[in-house]
Amino acid sequence: MSILIITLSLAAFFSLYRALRGPSISDRAIAVDIMSILFCGITALMAFRYNLPYLLDLSITIAILAFIGTLALAKYLEGRHLDD
């Protein structure tokens, strides 16, 4: 289980690198979205490992907020208003 957490953490580090060095704003947005998915996976694995069910709630909350943020950024990049 700890190997999975280390692997996901390493993938989050590479995604952070892409978010900082991305050539375009869409590359950076995708990298941040991938990081949020990886953090959801890390918190879910830690919930199972340490038997802490509230971490699953945190993981779901992170996923919902990441989805809303991705939608808002996509609308912004498209040039539309958020109330469309």
N, C-alpha and C. Protein backbone atom coordinates (compact mmCIF):
# COMPACT_ATOMS: atom_id res chain seq x y z
N MET A 1 0.83 -1.19 0.00
CA MET A 1 0.00 0.00 0.00
C MET A 1 0.87 1.26 0.00
N SER A 2 1.97 1.24 0.74
CA SER A 2 2.83 2.42 0.77
C SER A 2 3.53 2.63 -0.57
N ILE A 3 3.75 1.58 -1.33
CA ILE A 3 4.35 1.73 -2.66
C ILE A 3 3.40 2.50 -3.56
N LEU A 4 2.10 2.24 -3.44
CA LEU A 4 1.13 2.99 -4.23
C LEU A 4 1.11 4.47 -3.86
N ILE A 5 1.18 4.74 -2.58
CA ILE A 5 1.18 6.13 -2.13
C ILE A 5 2.43 6.85 -2.63
N ILE A 6 3.57 6.18 -2.58
CA ILE A 6 4.81 6.78 -3.07
C ILE A 6 4.74 7.01 -4.58
N THR A 7 4.18 6.05 -5.30
CA THR A 7 4.05 6.20 -6.75
C THR A 7 3.13 7.35 -7.12
N LEU A 8 2.00 7.47 -6.43
CA LEU A 8 1.09 8.57 -6.69
C LEU A 8 1.71 9.91 -6.31
N SER A 9 2.50 9.94 -5.25
CA SER A 9 3.17 11.17 -4.86
C SER A 9 4.22 11.58 -5.89
N LEU A 10 4.91 10.61 -6.43
CA LEU A 10 5.88 10.90 -7.49
C LEU A 10 5.19 11.42 -8.74
N ALA A 11 4.06 10.83 -9.08
CA ALA A 11 3.30 11.30 -10.23
C ALA A 11 2.77 12.72 -9.98
N ALA A 12 2.38 13.02 -8.75
CA ALA A 12 1.93 14.38 -8.41
C ALA A 12 3.08 15.37 -8.55
N PHE A 13 4.28 14.95 -8.19
CA PHE A 13 5.45 15.82 -8.35
C PHE A 13 5.70 16.14 -9.82
N PHE A 14 5.61 15.13 -10.68
CA PHE A 14 5.80 15.36 -12.11
C PHE A 14 4.70 16.25 -12.68
N SER A 15 3.51 16.07 -12.17
CA SER A 15 2.40 16.91 -12.60
C SER A 15 2.59 18.35 -12.14
N LEU A 16 3.13 18.53 -10.95
CA LEU A 16 3.45 19.87 -10.47
C LEU A 16 4.50 20.52 -11.35
N TYR A 17 5.47 19.76 -11.77
CA TYR A 17 6.48 20.28 -12.69
C TYR A 17 5.83 20.76 -13.98
N ARG A 18 4.89 19.98 -14.51
CA ARG A 18 4.21 20.37 -15.74
C ARG A 18 3.34 21.60 -15.51
N ALA A 19 2.76 21.70 -14.33
CA ALA A 19 1.93 22.87 -14.03
C ALA A 19 2.78 24.13 -13.94
N LEU A 20 3.99 24.02 -13.47
CA LEU A 20 4.86 25.19 -13.35
C LEU A 20 5.54 25.54 -14.67
N ARG A 21 5.86 24.55 -15.48
CA ARG A 21 6.62 24.77 -16.70
C ARG A 21 5.80 24.61 -17.97
N GLY A 22 4.49 24.43 -17.85
CA GLY A 22 3.65 24.19 -19.01
C GLY A 22 3.74 25.30 -20.04
N PRO A 23 3.79 24.95 -21.30
CA PRO A 23 3.91 25.99 -22.32
C PRO A 23 2.62 26.80 -22.52
N SER A 24 1.48 26.24 -22.21
CA SER A 24 0.23 26.97 -22.39
C SER A 24 -0.63 26.83 -21.14
N ILE A 25 -1.66 27.66 -21.07
CA ILE A 25 -2.54 27.64 -19.91
C ILE A 25 -3.36 26.35 -19.87
N SER A 26 -3.69 25.80 -21.03
CA SER A 26 -4.46 24.55 -21.03
C SER A 26 -3.62 23.38 -20.52
N ASP A 27 -2.32 23.37 -20.82
CA ASP A 27 -1.43 22.34 -20.27
C ASP A 27 -1.35 22.44 -18.76
N ARG A 28 -1.30 23.65 -18.27
CA ARG A 28 -1.24 23.85 -16.82
C ARG A 28 -2.54 23.46 -16.16
N ALA A 29 -3.66 23.73 -16.80
CA ALA A 29 -4.96 23.35 -16.25
C ALA A 29 -5.11 21.83 -16.18
N ILE A 30 -4.65 21.16 -17.20
CA ILE A 30 -4.71 19.69 -17.20
C ILE A 30 -3.81 19.13 -16.11
N ALA A 31 -2.65 19.72 -15.92
CA ALA A 31 -1.73 19.25 -14.88
C ALA A 31 -2.33 19.43 -13.50
N VAL A 32 -2.99 20.56 -13.27
CA VAL A 32 -3.63 20.77 -11.97
C VAL A 32 -4.78 19.80 -11.77
N ASP A 33 -5.52 19.51 -12.84
CA ASP A 33 -6.61 18.54 -12.75
C ASP A 33 -6.07 17.15 -12.44
N ILE A 34 -4.97 16.78 -13.05
CA ILE A 34 -4.36 15.48 -12.76
C ILE A 34 -3.85 15.42 -11.32
N MET A 35 -3.29 16.53 -10.84
CA MET A 35 -2.83 16.56 -9.45
C MET A 35 -3.99 16.38 -8.48
N SER A 36 -5.13 16.97 -8.78
CA SER A 36 -6.27 16.79 -7.88
C SER A 36 -6.77 15.34 -7.89
N ILE A 37 -6.73 14.71 -9.04
CA ILE A 37 -7.11 13.29 -9.11
C ILE A 37 -6.12 12.45 -8.31
N LEU A 38 -4.85 12.76 -8.41
CA LEU A 38 -3.84 12.01 -7.66
C LEU A 38 -3.99 12.22 -6.16
N PHE A 39 -4.31 13.45 -5.74
CA PHE A 39 -4.52 13.69 -4.32
C PHE A 39 -5.75 12.97 -3.81
N CYS A 40 -6.77 12.84 -4.66
CA CYS A 40 -7.95 12.04 -4.27
C CYS A 40 -7.55 10.59 -4.04
N GLY A 41 -6.73 10.08 -4.94
CA GLY A 41 -6.26 8.70 -4.78
C GLY A 41 -5.39 8.51 -3.54
N ILE A 42 -4.54 9.48 -3.26
CA ILE A 42 -3.67 9.38 -2.08
C ILE A 42 -4.50 9.41 -0.81
N THR A 43 -5.48 10.32 -0.74
CA THR A 43 -6.30 10.37 0.48
C THR A 43 -7.17 9.14 0.62
N ALA A 44 -7.64 8.57 -0.48
CA ALA A 44 -8.42 7.34 -0.40
C ALA A 44 -7.55 6.17 0.08
N LEU A 45 -6.33 6.09 -0.43
CA LEU A 45 -5.44 5.02 0.03
C LEU A 45 -5.08 5.17 1.51
N MET A 46 -4.87 6.41 1.93
CA MET A 46 -4.57 6.63 3.35
C MET A 46 -5.78 6.34 4.23
N ALA A 47 -6.98 6.56 3.71
CA ALA A 47 -8.19 6.23 4.46
C ALA A 47 -8.28 4.73 4.69
N PHE A 48 -7.97 3.97 3.66
CA PHE A 48 -8.01 2.52 3.82
C PHE A 48 -6.86 2.00 4.67
N ARG A 49 -5.71 2.60 4.53
CA ARG A 49 -4.54 2.13 5.28
C ARG A 49 -4.67 2.38 6.77
N TYR A 50 -5.11 3.59 7.14
CA TYR A 50 -5.18 3.95 8.55
C TYR A 50 -6.59 3.82 9.14
N ASN A 51 -7.52 3.30 8.35
CA ASN A 51 -8.91 3.07 8.79
C ASN A 51 -9.54 4.38 9.31
N LEU A 52 -9.45 5.41 8.49
CA LEU A 52 -10.02 6.73 8.80
C LEU A 52 -11.07 7.06 7.75
N PRO A 53 -12.33 6.78 8.03
CA PRO A 53 -13.37 6.96 7.00
C PRO A 53 -13.61 8.42 6.61
N TYR A 54 -13.27 9.37 7.45
CA TYR A 54 -13.50 10.76 7.10
C TYR A 54 -12.58 11.22 5.97
N LEU A 55 -11.50 10.51 5.73
CA LEU A 55 -10.64 10.87 4.61
C LEU A 55 -11.30 10.56 3.27
N LEU A 56 -12.22 9.60 3.26
CA LEU A 56 -12.97 9.34 2.03
C LEU A 56 -13.88 10.52 1.71
N ASP A 57 -14.47 11.12 2.74
CA ASP A 57 -15.28 12.32 2.53
C ASP A 57 -14.42 13.46 1.98
N LEU A 58 -13.22 13.57 2.50
CA LEU A 58 -12.30 14.59 2.01
C LEU A 58 -11.95 14.33 0.55
N SER A 59 -11.74 13.08 0.20
CA SER A 59 -11.40 12.71 -1.17
C SER A 59 -12.55 13.06 -2.13
N ILE A 60 -13.77 12.79 -1.71
CA ILE A 60 -14.93 13.13 -2.55
C ILE A 60 -15.06 14.64 -2.70
N THR A 61 -14.81 15.37 -1.62
CA THR A 61 -14.89 16.83 -1.67
C THR A 61 -13.83 17.40 -2.61
N ILE A 62 -12.63 16.87 -2.55
CA ILE A 62 -11.57 17.32 -3.46
C ILE A 62 -11.96 17.05 -4.91
N ALA A 63 -12.55 15.90 -5.17
CA ALA A 63 -12.95 15.56 -6.54
C ALA A 63 -14.04 16.50 -7.05
N ILE A 64 -15.00 16.82 -6.21
CA ILE A 64 -16.08 17.72 -6.62
C ILE A 64 -15.54 19.12 -6.89
N LEU A 65 -14.70 19.62 -5.99
CA LEU A 65 -14.13 20.95 -6.19
C LEU A 65 -13.23 21.02 -7.42
N ALA A 66 -12.50 19.96 -7.68
CA ALA A 66 -11.64 19.93 -8.87
C ALA A 66 -12.49 19.93 -10.14
N PHE A 67 -13.58 19.21 -10.12
CA PHE A 67 -14.47 19.18 -11.28
C PHE A 67 -15.07 20.56 -11.55
N ILE A 68 -15.53 21.22 -10.50
CA ILE A 68 -16.11 22.56 -10.66
C ILE A 68 -15.05 23.55 -11.14
N GLY A 69 -13.85 23.44 -10.60
CA GLY A 69 -12.77 24.32 -11.03
C GLY A 69 -12.39 24.09 -12.49
N THR A 70 -12.39 22.86 -12.92
CA THR A 70 -12.07 22.55 -14.31
C THR A 70 -13.14 23.11 -15.24
N LEU A 71 -14.40 22.98 -14.85
CA LEU A 71 -15.48 23.54 -15.67
C LEU A 71 -15.38 25.06 -15.76
N ALA A 72 -15.10 25.70 -14.63
CA ALA A 72 -14.98 27.16 -14.63
C ALA A 72 -13.81 27.62 -15.49
N LEU A 73 -12.69 26.94 -15.39
CA LEU A 73 -11.53 27.32 -16.19
C LEU A 73 -11.79 27.09 -17.68
N ALA A 74 -12.47 26.01 -18.01
CA ALA A 74 -12.78 25.73 -19.42
C ALA A 74 -13.70 26.82 -19.99
N LYS A 75 -14.67 27.25 -19.21
CA LYS A 75 -15.54 28.34 -19.68
C LYS A 75 -14.75 29.65 -19.82
N TYR A 76 -13.85 29.90 -18.90
CA TYR A 76 -13.04 31.11 -18.98
C TYR A 76 -12.14 31.09 -20.22
N LEU A 77 -11.51 29.95 -20.48
CA LEU A 77 -10.63 29.85 -21.64
C LEU A 77 -11.41 29.94 -22.94
N GLU A 78 -12.66 29.54 -22.90
CA GLU A 78 -13.50 29.61 -24.08
C GLU A 78 -13.99 31.03 -24.33
N GLY A 79 -13.90 31.88 -23.32
CA GLY A 79 -14.32 33.26 -23.46
C GLY A 79 -15.75 33.53 -23.07
N ARG A 80 -16.40 32.55 -22.45
CA ARG A 80 -17.78 32.71 -22.04
C ARG A 80 -17.84 33.13 -20.58
N HIS A 81 -18.96 33.69 -20.19
CA HIS A 81 -19.18 34.06 -18.79
C HIS A 81 -19.61 32.84 -18.00
N LEU A 82 -19.42 32.90 -16.70
CA LEU A 82 -19.75 31.75 -15.86
C LEU A 82 -21.25 31.53 -15.72
N ASP A 83 -22.06 32.53 -16.03
CA ASP A 83 -23.51 32.35 -15.89
C ASP A 83 -24.17 31.88 -17.18
N ASP A 84 -23.39 31.57 -18.22
CA ASP A 84 -23.96 31.05 -19.47
C ASP A 84 -24.43 29.63 -19.32
